[in-house]
Amino acid sequence: MIYWLIDMLNGWDFPGRNLMNYLSFRSGIAFTLALLMALIFGHKIIRRLQRMQIGEEVRNLGLEGQMSKKGTPTMGGIIIILSTLVPCLLMGNLSNIYMILMIVATLWMGAIGFLDDYRKLKYHNKDGLKGKYKVTGQVGLGLLVGITMWLSPQITMSENFEREIVTDNETLTEVTVSTDEIKSPQTTIPFVKNNNFNYQWLTSWISDAQAARTLGWLVFVLVVVIVVTSVSNGANLTDGVDGLCAGTSAIIGVALLIMGYLGGNVIYSSYLNIMYIPGSAELTVFAASFIGALVGFLWYNTYPAQVFMGDTGSLTLGGIIAVFAILIRKELLIPLLCLIFFLEDLSVVMQVSYFKYTKKKYGAGRRIFKMTPLHHHFQKAADPGAMVKWNVPVNPIPENKIVMRFWIVGMLLAALTFVTLKIR
C-alpha cells in the first residue's frame, strides 16, 4: 500500500521519494516491521490465547520434560502469519503476480492449519482435521499455483546459455541470458550444464508438438502438487520441540531469499549462469518479511516455549517454503534444502510400514526408531527390552541441544544446496 502510495505521488518531489524503488530498502523495512510486529504483538496475542485458555493438549509419551508443556498456548502461527503479511501489504508491489500467489498461499494454508487447531481444541484431542481434508487443501493449493504458472502471461522465464568466444590466445566462455521471455515449464536442476531442466523433455516422445507441450505442463502441475503436499506435511511433523520448525524454516527462508534475489536480477543471473525470472525479484520483500516474522516468533518459541505455533503455523510454513521454491523454479532443490523435513516425514513412514510388516510376519510389531518423528527418537531413553533396531543414543538428549544440532544441519544443507549449482 505504501509502495502504491509513493508510486501515485511520483510527480511530487520530497525527500526519500526514490527509496521505494530500491528492492533492498523495501526488503529491509519489511524484515524490520515483521520482526517488531512479532515481538510487540506476539506478546499481546500470547496473553489473549492464555485468557481464552487455548492450551496444548499433551499426551504422556515418556519424553523428558514433556508434561511441563501442558497448557502452553498454541495457535501461535497467527503471529507468524500476521507479521509476514502486514509488511508485505505495506511494502510490497501488490500488482505483482508472484507476491499475490505468496499471499494467497499463506492465507490458504493458514486457514487449513487454523481449522485443524480449532478442532483439536474444541474436541480436546490430537486428531484435529481429518487427514483427507488437509491433503485435499494442500492439493488444491498445488493445483492453483501450478495452473496459474501455466496460464498466467505474467509468469515467464528467460533461458541462460553459454557461447564460446575465440580470441588469438584463448577460448573464453560467456554466459548470456536471452532477451526473449518465454512460457516454459523449466526449472533448475543441479549437477548439469546451465542447470536447466524442461519438464517437456519427459513428453518429447509424443509426436504432436502441442500435445507434448500440454502434457509437459501437466507433469509440472503434478510436481507442484507433490512438492506442496510433502513439504507442508514435513514441516508439520517437524514442529514437535521448541523452536525446531521455526528455526529450520528461517534458515531455509534465507537460502530461498538469496536464490530469489539472484534469479530475479538479470545481471546476477547472467554472471552466475542461472535462470532469469522476470518480476520474481519482488519475492525478496516477501522472504524478508517471512524471515523477520520467524525470528520474532522464536523470541517466544525457543526453549522453554511460551507459545506453540500449532498447525496454524507449521502447515503455513511448509506451504510458504514450497510455493516460494516453485515460483523461483527451484523445487527440485527442495529434497536437499528441506532434507530435515523429509527425514522427519520418512521416519514416520518407515516406522509405520516396518511395524505393520513385522506384526504380520512375527505376530508382534517391531520398530526402527525409539519414537517418531525423528526428533523424538533423540528425546527418548533407550529401552533394552524394546524391539527397536536403532536403540541409540542410550540417554535422552536435552531438547535445546537437539534443536541446535538440527539448526546446524539445516545451515549445512543450505550451503550444500548452493554448492550443487556449481558442480557440473
Protein backbone atom coordinates (compact mmCIF):
# COMPACT_ATOMS: atom_id res chain seq x y z
CA MET A 1 0.00 0.00 0.00
CA ILE A 2 2.84 2.38 0.83
CA TYR A 3 4.51 1.25 -2.39
CA TRP A 4 1.38 2.20 -4.36
CA LEU A 5 1.02 5.49 -2.48
CA ILE A 6 4.58 6.54 -3.29
CA ASP A 7 4.05 5.47 -6.89
CA MET A 8 0.92 7.65 -7.10
CA LEU A 9 2.93 10.60 -5.79
CA ASN A 10 5.64 10.02 -8.38
CA GLY A 11 5.35 13.57 -9.71
CA TRP A 12 5.95 15.09 -6.31
CA ASP A 13 9.43 15.94 -5.16
CA PHE A 14 10.00 15.13 -1.47
CA PRO A 15 12.90 13.62 0.49
CA GLY A 16 13.23 9.84 0.21
CA ARG A 17 10.79 9.56 -2.69
CA ASN A 18 13.05 7.23 -4.67
CA LEU A 19 13.83 4.88 -1.79
CA MET A 20 10.78 2.75 -2.55
CA ASN A 21 12.27 1.96 -5.94
CA TYR A 22 15.08 0.07 -4.27
CA LEU A 23 14.25 -3.55 -3.57
CA SER A 24 16.88 -3.78 -0.85
CA PHE A 25 15.31 -0.84 1.03
CA ARG A 26 11.79 -2.28 0.89
CA SER A 27 13.08 -5.72 1.91
CA GLY A 28 14.98 -4.26 4.86
CA ILE A 29 11.93 -2.34 6.04
CA ALA A 30 9.74 -5.43 5.60
CA PHE A 31 12.13 -7.52 7.71
CA THR A 32 12.25 -4.87 10.44
CA LEU A 33 8.49 -4.40 10.51
CA ALA A 34 7.87 -8.15 10.64
CA LEU A 35 10.36 -8.61 13.46
CA LEU A 36 8.92 -5.74 15.51
CA MET A 37 5.35 -6.90 14.92
CA ALA A 38 6.17 -10.43 16.08
CA LEU A 39 7.91 -9.09 19.20
CA ILE A 40 5.35 -6.45 20.15
CA PHE A 41 2.04 -8.00 19.10
CA GLY A 42 3.25 -11.54 19.74
CA HIS A 43 3.20 -10.88 23.48
CA LYS A 44 -0.32 -9.49 23.27
CA ILE A 45 -1.53 -12.46 21.19
CA ILE A 46 0.01 -14.93 23.68
CA ARG A 47 -1.75 -13.22 26.58
CA ARG A 48 -5.01 -13.31 24.62
CA LEU A 49 -4.60 -17.03 23.93
CA GLN A 50 -3.94 -17.62 27.62
CA ARG A 51 -7.11 -15.78 28.60
CA MET A 52 -9.07 -17.84 26.07
CA GLN A 53 -7.49 -20.97 27.63
CA ILE A 54 -6.22 -22.14 24.25
CA GLY A 55 -3.58 -24.52 25.59
CA GLU A 56 -1.76 -27.51 24.14
CA GLU A 57 -3.21 -30.97 24.79
CA VAL A 58 -0.25 -33.21 25.70
CA ARG A 59 -0.20 -37.00 25.78
CA ASN A 60 2.34 -38.64 28.07
CA LEU A 61 4.79 -40.34 25.70
CA GLY A 62 7.54 -40.76 28.25
CA LEU A 63 9.67 -37.89 26.95
CA GLU A 64 11.75 -35.84 29.33
CA GLY A 65 10.07 -32.54 30.24
CA GLN A 66 7.09 -33.30 28.04
CA MET A 67 4.31 -32.89 30.57
CA SER A 68 5.61 -29.45 31.59
CA LYS A 69 4.41 -28.21 28.20
CA LYS A 70 0.79 -28.95 29.01
CA GLY A 71 -1.35 -25.82 28.84
CA THR A 72 1.17 -23.80 26.84
CA PRO A 73 -0.79 -21.58 24.41
CA THR A 74 -0.96 -22.93 20.88
CA MET A 75 -2.12 -21.48 17.53
CA GLY A 76 0.84 -19.08 17.74
CA GLY A 77 1.16 -19.43 13.99
CA ILE A 78 -1.21 -16.47 13.88
CA ILE A 79 1.77 -14.35 14.99
CA ILE A 80 3.83 -15.57 12.04
CA ILE A 81 1.04 -15.10 9.51
CA LEU A 82 0.17 -11.54 10.59
CA SER A 83 3.80 -10.50 10.94
CA THR A 84 4.53 -11.81 7.44
CA LEU A 85 1.52 -10.43 5.60
CA VAL A 86 1.22 -6.92 7.04
CA PRO A 87 4.74 -5.78 5.97
CA CYS A 88 4.15 -7.35 2.55
CA LEU A 89 0.90 -5.44 2.16
CA LEU A 90 2.66 -2.21 3.16
CA MET A 91 5.97 -2.54 1.32
CA GLY A 92 5.22 -4.97 -1.50
CA ASN A 93 4.03 -4.41 -5.05
CA LEU A 94 0.56 -5.90 -4.83
CA SER A 95 0.14 -5.96 -8.60
CA ASN A 96 3.00 -8.46 -8.89
CA ILE A 97 1.69 -11.96 -9.64
CA TYR A 98 4.41 -13.60 -7.55
CA MET A 99 3.55 -11.53 -4.50
CA ILE A 100 -0.17 -12.25 -4.99
CA LEU A 101 0.45 -16.01 -5.14
CA MET A 102 2.54 -15.95 -1.96
CA ILE A 103 -0.12 -14.00 -0.07
CA VAL A 104 -2.80 -16.43 -1.27
CA ALA A 105 -0.65 -19.44 -0.32
CA THR A 106 -0.09 -18.01 3.17
CA LEU A 107 -3.79 -17.39 3.78
CA TRP A 108 -4.78 -20.73 2.22
CA MET A 109 -2.50 -22.90 4.34
CA GLY A 110 -3.12 -20.72 7.39
CA ALA A 111 -6.86 -21.41 7.08
CA ILE A 112 -6.29 -25.17 6.86
CA GLY A 113 -3.99 -25.12 9.88
CA PHE A 114 -6.41 -22.93 11.84
CA LEU A 115 -9.28 -25.36 11.22
CA ASP A 116 -7.07 -28.23 12.33
CA ASP A 117 -6.09 -26.49 15.57
CA TYR A 118 -9.66 -25.35 16.20
CA ARG A 119 -10.99 -28.91 16.03
CA LYS A 120 -8.24 -30.16 18.33
CA LEU A 121 -9.10 -27.55 20.93
CA LYS A 122 -12.84 -27.85 20.55
CA TYR A 123 -12.94 -31.63 20.93
CA HIS A 124 -9.90 -31.89 23.26
CA ASN A 125 -8.00 -34.45 21.20
CA LYS A 126 -4.93 -34.62 18.97
CA ASP A 127 -6.76 -35.70 15.79
CA GLY A 128 -7.97 -32.34 14.55
CA LEU A 129 -8.98 -32.04 10.92
CA LYS A 130 -9.14 -35.38 9.14
CA GLY A 131 -6.09 -36.16 7.06
CA LYS A 132 -8.05 -36.41 3.83
CA TYR A 133 -9.32 -32.85 4.23
CA LYS A 134 -5.83 -31.49 4.91
CA VAL A 135 -4.44 -33.30 1.88
CA THR A 136 -7.34 -32.02 -0.22
CA GLY A 137 -6.49 -28.46 0.81
CA GLN A 138 -2.81 -28.97 0.05
CA VAL A 139 -3.59 -30.48 -3.35
CA GLY A 140 -5.95 -27.59 -4.05
CA LEU A 141 -3.21 -25.05 -3.37
CA GLY A 142 -0.79 -27.00 -5.55
CA LEU A 143 -3.28 -27.02 -8.41
CA LEU A 144 -3.94 -23.30 -8.01
CA VAL A 145 -0.24 -22.42 -8.10
CA GLY A 146 0.66 -24.85 -10.87
CA ILE A 147 -2.19 -23.88 -13.18
CA THR A 148 -1.62 -20.17 -12.55
CA MET A 149 2.03 -20.55 -13.53
CA TRP A 150 0.91 -22.40 -16.65
CA LEU A 151 -1.75 -19.96 -17.81
CA SER A 152 -0.69 -16.55 -16.48
CA PRO A 153 1.02 -14.40 -19.13
CA GLN A 154 2.85 -12.55 -16.32
CA ILE A 155 4.85 -15.64 -15.35
CA THR A 156 7.68 -16.15 -17.80
CA MET A 157 11.37 -17.01 -17.78
CA SER A 158 14.47 -16.27 -19.82
CA GLU A 159 16.89 -19.03 -20.68
CA ASN A 160 20.58 -18.82 -19.89
CA PHE A 161 23.05 -20.25 -22.36
CA GLU A 162 26.78 -20.32 -22.93
CA ARG A 163 28.70 -19.33 -26.02
CA GLU A 164 32.36 -19.59 -26.80
CA ILE A 165 34.39 -16.57 -27.85
CA VAL A 166 37.58 -17.44 -29.69
CA THR A 167 40.45 -14.96 -29.39
CA ASP A 168 44.02 -15.10 -30.63
CA ASN A 169 45.35 -16.68 -27.46
CA GLU A 170 42.44 -18.50 -25.82
CA THR A 171 38.82 -19.54 -25.95
CA LEU A 172 36.52 -17.84 -23.47
CA THR A 173 33.06 -18.94 -22.35
CA GLU A 174 30.45 -16.21 -21.99
CA VAL A 175 27.12 -16.72 -20.27
CA THR A 176 24.21 -14.83 -21.79
CA VAL A 177 20.60 -14.51 -20.68
CA SER A 178 18.15 -14.48 -23.56
CA THR A 179 16.22 -11.26 -24.08
CA ASP A 180 13.15 -13.30 -25.02
CA GLU A 181 10.69 -14.06 -22.24
CA ILE A 182 9.02 -17.42 -22.82
CA LYS A 183 6.34 -19.60 -21.25
CA SER A 184 8.03 -22.85 -20.39
CA PRO A 185 7.83 -25.46 -17.60
CA GLN A 186 11.54 -25.21 -16.97
CA THR A 187 13.18 -25.49 -13.60
CA THR A 188 16.62 -25.53 -12.01
CA ILE A 189 18.40 -28.83 -11.56
CA PRO A 190 21.86 -29.38 -10.01
CA PHE A 191 24.86 -31.18 -11.48
CA VAL A 192 24.13 -30.35 -15.14
CA LYS A 193 25.39 -27.70 -17.54
CA ASN A 194 23.29 -24.49 -17.43
CA ASN A 195 21.27 -26.03 -14.55
CA ASN A 196 18.04 -26.05 -16.58
CA PHE A 197 15.57 -28.91 -16.93
CA ASN A 198 12.41 -28.75 -19.04
CA TYR A 199 9.53 -30.97 -17.97
CA GLN A 200 8.54 -31.18 -21.63
CA TRP A 201 11.58 -33.43 -22.10
CA LEU A 202 9.56 -36.13 -20.32
CA THR A 203 6.88 -35.90 -23.02
CA SER A 204 9.15 -35.44 -26.04
CA TRP A 205 8.26 -38.93 -27.26
CA ILE A 206 4.82 -37.61 -28.29
CA SER A 207 4.80 -36.74 -32.00
CA ASP A 208 2.19 -33.98 -31.69
CA ALA A 209 4.16 -30.92 -30.53
CA GLN A 210 1.17 -29.15 -28.99
CA ALA A 211 0.09 -32.25 -27.09
CA ALA A 212 3.66 -32.73 -25.85
CA ARG A 213 3.77 -29.14 -24.54
CA THR A 214 0.40 -29.50 -22.82
CA LEU A 215 1.38 -32.79 -21.22
CA GLY A 216 4.70 -31.27 -20.14
CA TRP A 217 2.83 -28.55 -18.27
CA LEU A 218 0.56 -31.18 -16.70
CA VAL A 219 3.64 -33.01 -15.43
CA PHE A 220 4.85 -29.71 -13.96
CA VAL A 221 1.50 -29.16 -12.21
CA LEU A 222 1.68 -32.69 -10.78
CA VAL A 223 5.17 -31.98 -9.42
CA VAL A 224 3.88 -28.75 -7.85
CA VAL A 225 1.10 -30.65 -6.07
CA ILE A 226 3.56 -33.25 -4.76
CA VAL A 227 6.02 -30.61 -3.54
CA VAL A 228 3.36 -28.52 -1.75
CA THR A 229 1.84 -31.57 -0.06
CA SER A 230 5.10 -33.19 1.01
CA VAL A 231 6.83 -30.02 2.27
CA SER A 232 3.82 -28.80 4.26
CA ASN A 233 3.38 -32.22 5.87
CA GLY A 234 7.11 -32.42 6.57
CA ALA A 235 7.08 -29.03 8.29
CA ASN A 236 4.04 -30.13 10.28
CA LEU A 237 5.86 -33.21 11.59
CA THR A 238 9.00 -31.19 12.36
CA ASP A 239 7.02 -28.99 14.76
CA GLY A 240 7.49 -31.15 17.84
CA VAL A 241 10.09 -29.46 20.03
CA ASP A 242 10.57 -25.82 20.95
CA GLY A 243 11.99 -23.70 18.14
CA LEU A 244 12.81 -26.56 15.76
CA CYS A 245 10.37 -25.87 12.94
CA ALA A 246 10.58 -22.07 13.13
CA GLY A 247 14.38 -22.01 13.24
CA THR A 248 14.77 -24.55 10.44
CA SER A 249 12.26 -22.64 8.32
CA ALA A 250 14.14 -19.38 8.90
CA ILE A 251 17.37 -20.96 7.64
CA ILE A 252 15.57 -22.28 4.56
CA GLY A 253 13.97 -18.85 4.11
CA VAL A 254 17.36 -17.14 3.99
CA ALA A 255 18.55 -19.57 1.30
CA LEU A 256 15.39 -19.01 -0.75
CA LEU A 257 15.67 -15.24 -0.38
CA ILE A 258 19.18 -15.30 -1.85
CA MET A 259 18.10 -17.57 -4.70
CA GLY A 260 15.05 -15.45 -5.42
CA TYR A 261 17.03 -12.22 -5.45
CA LEU A 262 19.74 -13.61 -7.74
CA GLY A 263 17.25 -15.24 -10.11
CA GLY A 264 15.22 -12.04 -10.35
CA ASN A 265 18.22 -9.91 -11.36
CA VAL A 266 19.31 -10.22 -14.98
CA ILE A 267 22.89 -9.18 -14.23
CA TYR A 268 23.45 -11.70 -11.42
CA SER A 269 21.61 -14.39 -13.39
CA SER A 270 23.97 -13.93 -16.31
CA TYR A 271 27.05 -13.79 -14.10
CA LEU A 272 26.13 -16.93 -12.14
CA ASN A 273 24.69 -18.79 -15.14
CA ILE A 274 21.26 -19.35 -13.61
CA MET A 275 17.76 -18.94 -14.94
CA TYR A 276 16.39 -15.38 -15.03
CA ILE A 277 12.76 -14.99 -13.97
CA PRO A 278 11.39 -11.51 -14.76
CA GLY A 279 9.39 -9.96 -11.92
CA SER A 280 10.33 -12.60 -9.35
CA ALA A 281 12.70 -10.25 -7.51
CA GLU A 282 9.63 -8.88 -5.73
CA LEU A 283 9.60 -12.13 -3.78
CA THR A 284 12.62 -10.79 -1.89
CA VAL A 285 10.27 -8.49 0.02
CA PHE A 286 8.07 -11.43 0.98
CA ALA A 287 11.05 -13.58 2.00
CA ALA A 288 12.49 -10.79 4.15
CA SER A 289 9.15 -10.35 5.90
CA PHE A 290 8.85 -14.12 6.38
CA ILE A 291 12.31 -14.38 7.96
CA GLY A 292 11.66 -11.38 10.22
CA ALA A 293 8.40 -12.93 11.43
CA LEU A 294 10.12 -16.24 12.21
CA VAL A 295 12.97 -14.59 14.10
CA GLY A 296 10.46 -12.58 16.12
CA PHE A 297 8.40 -15.69 16.81
CA LEU A 298 11.50 -17.53 18.03
CA TRP A 299 11.74 -14.91 20.81
CA TYR A 300 8.76 -16.66 22.39
CA ASN A 301 9.09 -20.15 20.89
CA THR A 302 12.65 -21.14 21.88
CA TYR A 303 13.08 -23.43 24.86
CA PRO A 304 11.18 -23.22 27.14
CA ALA A 305 8.45 -22.11 24.74
CA GLN A 306 5.88 -19.53 25.81
CA VAL A 307 3.74 -20.39 22.78
CA PHE A 308 3.48 -23.14 20.16
CA MET A 309 2.80 -22.38 16.52
CA GLY A 310 0.35 -25.28 16.14
CA ASP A 311 -0.76 -26.50 12.74
CA THR A 312 -1.78 -22.90 12.03
CA GLY A 313 1.92 -22.16 11.81
CA SER A 314 3.59 -25.41 10.72
CA LEU A 315 1.32 -26.11 7.74
CA THR A 316 1.65 -22.47 6.70
CA LEU A 317 5.46 -22.55 6.90
CA GLY A 318 5.64 -25.66 4.75
CA GLY A 319 3.23 -24.18 2.21
CA ILE A 320 5.16 -20.90 2.02
CA ILE A 321 8.50 -22.64 1.52
CA ALA A 322 7.12 -24.99 -1.12
CA VAL A 323 5.32 -22.32 -3.16
CA PHE A 324 8.25 -19.90 -2.93
CA ALA A 325 10.66 -22.55 -4.23
CA ILE A 326 8.28 -23.41 -7.06
CA LEU A 327 7.84 -19.77 -8.13
CA ILE A 328 11.60 -19.25 -8.40
CA ARG A 329 11.91 -22.60 -10.23
CA LYS A 330 13.98 -24.27 -7.50
CA GLU A 331 11.56 -27.03 -6.49
CA LEU A 332 13.99 -29.80 -7.46
CA LEU A 333 16.47 -28.42 -4.92
CA ILE A 334 13.91 -28.89 -2.14
CA PRO A 335 14.92 -32.51 -1.31
CA LEU A 336 18.34 -31.27 -0.21
CA LEU A 337 17.43 -27.84 1.14
CA CYS A 338 14.48 -29.22 3.15
CA LEU A 339 16.08 -32.58 3.94
CA ILE A 340 15.24 -32.22 7.63
CA PHE A 341 11.54 -32.00 6.77
CA PHE A 342 11.78 -35.07 4.55
CA LEU A 343 13.72 -37.10 7.12
CA GLU A 344 11.02 -36.32 9.69
CA ASP A 345 8.40 -37.41 7.17
CA LEU A 346 10.35 -40.50 6.10
CA SER A 347 10.96 -41.62 9.68
CA VAL A 348 7.20 -41.82 10.28
CA VAL A 349 6.57 -43.72 7.03
CA MET A 350 9.40 -46.17 7.78
CA GLN A 351 8.25 -46.71 11.36
CA VAL A 352 4.63 -47.40 10.46
CA SER A 353 5.50 -49.63 7.49
CA TYR A 354 8.05 -51.67 9.43
CA PHE A 355 5.71 -52.06 12.41
CA LYS A 356 2.90 -53.39 10.20
CA TYR A 357 5.27 -55.71 8.32
CA THR A 358 6.80 -57.24 11.46
CA LYS A 359 3.42 -57.58 13.15
CA LYS A 360 2.13 -59.54 10.19
CA LYS A 361 5.29 -61.67 9.98
CA TYR A 362 6.13 -62.26 13.66
CA GLY A 363 2.81 -61.55 15.37
CA ALA A 364 4.28 -58.59 17.26
CA GLY A 365 5.18 -55.22 15.80
CA ARG A 366 8.78 -54.02 15.90
CA ARG A 367 10.22 -50.57 15.40
CA ILE A 368 13.16 -48.96 13.65
CA PHE A 369 13.32 -45.86 15.85
CA LYS A 370 12.59 -45.43 19.54
CA MET A 371 9.90 -42.94 18.53
CA THR A 372 8.92 -40.86 15.52
CA PRO A 373 9.03 -38.18 14.14
CA LEU A 374 12.81 -38.36 14.17
CA HIS A 375 13.45 -35.60 16.73
CA HIS A 376 11.51 -37.60 19.35
CA HIS A 377 13.89 -40.53 18.84
CA PHE A 378 16.69 -38.47 20.36
CA GLN A 379 14.47 -37.32 23.24
CA LYS A 380 13.60 -40.81 24.44
CA ALA A 381 15.76 -43.00 26.64
CA ALA A 382 16.74 -46.40 25.26
CA ASP A 383 14.77 -49.42 26.47
CA PRO A 384 16.94 -52.57 26.45
CA GLY A 385 13.87 -54.79 26.28
CA ALA A 386 12.23 -52.97 23.40
CA MET A 387 12.31 -54.44 19.91
CA VAL A 388 13.94 -51.40 18.31
CA LYS A 389 16.57 -51.70 15.59
CA TRP A 390 18.20 -48.32 16.27
CA ASN A 391 18.21 -48.02 20.06
CA VAL A 392 20.86 -45.30 20.41
CA PRO A 393 21.60 -42.91 21.99
CA VAL A 394 21.07 -44.66 25.31
CA ASN A 395 20.40 -41.47 27.26
CA PRO A 396 17.95 -38.82 26.05
CA ILE A 397 19.50 -35.66 24.56
CA PRO A 398 18.29 -32.35 26.04
CA GLU A 399 15.66 -30.69 23.89
CA ASN A 400 17.55 -27.44 23.30
CA LYS A 401 20.65 -29.38 22.17
CA ILE A 402 18.56 -31.38 19.67
CA VAL A 403 17.16 -28.16 18.23
CA MET A 404 20.57 -26.50 17.95
CA ARG A 405 22.06 -29.54 16.21
CA PHE A 406 19.18 -29.67 13.75
CA TRP A 407 19.72 -25.96 13.03
CA ILE A 408 23.41 -26.60 12.32
CA VAL A 409 22.50 -29.42 9.96
CA GLY A 410 19.99 -27.08 8.28
CA MET A 411 22.73 -24.50 7.70
CA LEU A 412 24.99 -27.14 6.16
CA LEU A 413 22.18 -28.28 3.88
CA ALA A 414 21.54 -24.71 2.75
CA ALA A 415 25.22 -24.26 1.92
CA LEU A 416 25.33 -27.57 0.06
CA THR A 417 22.28 -26.57 -1.96
CA PHE A 418 24.16 -23.59 -3.36
CA VAL A 419 27.28 -25.71 -3.96
CA THR A 420 25.32 -28.21 -6.09
CA LEU A 421 24.53 -25.47 -8.60
CA LYS A 422 28.21 -25.02 -9.37
CA ILE A 423 29.12 -28.74 -9.55
CA ARG A 424 28.68 -29.80 -13.18
